[in-house]
PDB file of N, CA and C in Angstrom:
ATOM      1  N   MET A   1       0.741  -1.049   0.000  1.00  0.00           N
ATOM      2  CA  MET A   1       0.002  -0.003   0.098  1.00  0.00           C
ATOM      3  C   MET A   1       0.779   1.095   0.044  1.00  0.00           C
ATOM      4  N   LYS A   2       2.341   1.100   0.292  1.00  0.00           N
ATOM      5  CA  LYS A   2       3.046   2.191   0.270  1.00  0.00           C
ATOM      6  C   LYS A   2       3.232   2.896  -1.053  1.00  0.00           C
ATOM      7  N   GLY A   3       2.861   2.117  -2.119  1.00  0.00           N
ATOM      8  CA  GLY A   3       3.125   2.571  -3.472  1.00  0.00           C
ATOM      9  C   GLY A   3       1.976   3.158  -3.742  1.00  0.00           C
ATOM     10  N   GLY A   4       0.829   3.193  -3.050  1.00  0.00           N
ATOM     11  CA  GLY A   4      -0.522   3.776  -3.309  1.00  0.00           C
ATOM     12  C   GLY A   4      -0.411   5.536  -3.522  1.00  0.00           C
ATOM     13  N   GLY A   5       0.422   5.994  -2.487  1.00  0.00           N
ATOM     14  CA  GLY A   5       0.736   7.402  -2.716  1.00  0.00           C
ATOM     15  C   GLY A   5       0.226   7.978  -1.472  1.00  0.00           C
ATOM     16  N   PRO A   6       0.165   9.477  -1.475  1.00  0.00           N
ATOM     17  CA  PRO A   6      -0.090  10.297  -0.198  1.00  0.00           C
ATOM     18  C   PRO A   6      -1.675  10.107   0.223  1.00  0.00           C
ATOM     19  N   VAL A   7      -2.428   9.717  -0.859  1.00  0.00           N
ATOM     20  CA  VAL A   7      -3.938   9.376  -0.443  1.00  0.00           C
ATOM     21  C   VAL A   7      -4.046   8.309   0.303  1.00  0.00           C
ATOM     22  N   SER A   8      -3.313   7.336   0.343  1.00  0.00           N
ATOM     23  CA  SER A   8      -3.327   6.028   1.246  1.00  0.00           C
ATOM     24  C   SER A   8      -3.192   6.565   2.744  1.00  0.00           C
ATOM     25  N   HIS A   9      -1.991   7.430   2.655  1.00  0.00           N
ATOM     26  CA  HIS A   9      -1.820   8.034   4.253  1.00  0.00           C
ATOM     27  C   HIS A   9      -2.972   8.826   4.805  1.00  0.00           C
ATOM     28  N   CYS A  10      -3.675   9.326   3.757  1.00  0.00           N
ATOM     29  CA  CYS A  10      -4.466  10.393   4.583  1.00  0.00           C
ATOM     30  C   CYS A  10      -5.907   9.578   4.729  1.00  0.00           C
ATOM     31  N   LEU A  11      -6.013   8.387   3.746  1.00  0.00           N
ATOM     32  CA  LEU A  11      -7.355   7.686   3.983  1.00  0.00           C
ATOM     33  C   LEU A  11      -7.274   6.808   5.575  1.00  0.00           C
ATOM     34  N   GLN A  12      -6.026   6.428   5.631  1.00  0.00           N
ATOM     35  CA  GLN A  12      -5.863   5.344   6.988  1.00  0.00           C
ATOM     36  C   GLN A  12      -4.579   5.825   7.648  1.00  0.00           C
ATOM     37  N   PRO A  13      -4.417   6.965   8.017  1.00  0.00           N
ATOM     38  CA  PRO A  13      -3.070   7.238   8.622  1.00  0.00           C
ATOM     39  C   PRO A  13      -2.939   6.650  10.034  1.00  0.00           C
ATOM     40  N   GLN A  14      -3.682   6.335  10.759  1.00  0.00           N
ATOM     41  CA  GLN A  14      -3.763   5.620  11.882  1.00  0.00           C
ATOM     42  C   GLN A  14      -3.300   3.944  11.535  1.00  0.00           C
ATOM     43  N   SER A  15      -3.970   3.501  10.780  1.00  0.00           N
ATOM     44  CA  SER A  15      -3.965   2.171  10.273  1.00  0.00           C
ATOM     45  C   SER A  15      -2.273   1.843  10.005  1.00  0.00           C
ATOM     46  N   GLN A  16      -1.878   2.666   9.294  1.00  0.00           N
ATOM     47  CA  GLN A  16      -0.330   2.604   9.018  1.00  0.00           C
ATOM     48  C   GLN A  16       0.504   2.464  10.355  1.00  0.00           C
ATOM     49  N   VAL A  17      -0.063   3.686  11.085  1.00  0.00           N
ATOM     50  CA  VAL A  17       0.774   3.879  12.398  1.00  0.00           C
ATOM     51  C   VAL A  17       0.737   2.879  13.262  1.00  0.00           C
ATOM     52  N   VAL A  18      -0.167   2.040  13.753  1.00  0.00           N
ATOM     53  CA  VAL A  18      -0.722   0.931  14.353  1.00  0.00           C
ATOM     54  C   VAL A  18       0.104  -0.197  13.747  1.00  0.00           C
ATOM     55  N   THR A  19       0.239  -0.166  12.364  1.00  0.00           N
ATOM     56  CA  THR A  19       1.095  -1.292  11.909  1.00  0.00           C
ATOM     57  C   THR A  19       2.384  -1.695  12.343  1.00  0.00           C
ATOM     58  N   TRP A  20       3.175  -0.538  12.386  1.00  0.00           N
ATOM     59  CA  TRP A  20       4.546  -0.418  12.858  1.00  0.00           C
ATOM     60  C   TRP A  20       4.910   0.174  13.969  1.00  0.00           C
ATOM     61  N   SER A  21       3.543   0.466  14.771  1.00  0.00           N
ATOM     62  CA  SER A  21       3.690   1.165  16.199  1.00  0.00           C
ATOM     63  C   SER A  21       4.453   0.288  17.047  1.00  0.00           C
ATOM     64  N   PRO A  22       5.137   0.840  17.979  1.00  0.00           N
ATOM     65  CA  PRO A  22       5.978   0.129  19.076  1.00  0.00           C
ATOM     66  C   PRO A  22       4.979  -0.539  19.896  1.00  0.00           C
ATOM     67  N   LYS A  23       3.892   0.292  20.182  1.00  0.00           N
ATOM     68  CA  LYS A  23       3.131  -0.376  21.199  1.00  0.00           C
ATOM     69  C   LYS A  23       2.364  -1.632  20.471  1.00  0.00           C
ATOM     70  N   SER A  24       2.217  -1.671  19.227  1.00  0.00           N
ATOM     71  CA  SER A  24       1.620  -2.982  18.739  1.00  0.00           C
ATOM     72  C   SER A  24       2.443  -4.199  18.889  1.00  0.00           C
ATOM     73  N   GLU A  25       3.794  -3.977  18.788  1.00  0.00           N
ATOM     74  CA  GLU A  25       4.774  -5.070  19.305  1.00  0.00           C
ATOM     75  C   GLU A  25       4.435  -5.552  20.777  1.00  0.00           C
ATOM     76  N   VAL A  26       4.466  -4.432  21.546  1.00  0.00           N
ATOM     77  CA  VAL A  26       4.344  -4.830  23.022  1.00  0.00           C
ATOM     78  C   VAL A  26       3.191  -5.319  23.180  1.00  0.00           C
ATOM     79  N   SER A  27       2.037  -5.115  22.698  1.00  0.00           N
ATOM     80  CA  SER A  27       0.509  -5.615  22.865  1.00  0.00           C
ATOM     81  C   SER A  27       0.690  -7.242  22.519  1.00  0.00           C
ATOM     82  N   ALA A  28       1.396  -7.358  21.472  1.00  0.00           N
ATOM     83  CA  ALA A  28       1.666  -8.722  20.862  1.00  0.00           C
ATOM     84  C   ALA A  28       2.375  -9.367  21.503  1.00  0.00           C
TER      85      ALA A  28
END
């Protein structure tokens, strides 16, 4: 989805953040 463009980040900015977020690893 990175190749999608800036629109992808604007549509789901939180989704991407949670994907590589440090909290996600800690929770898992």
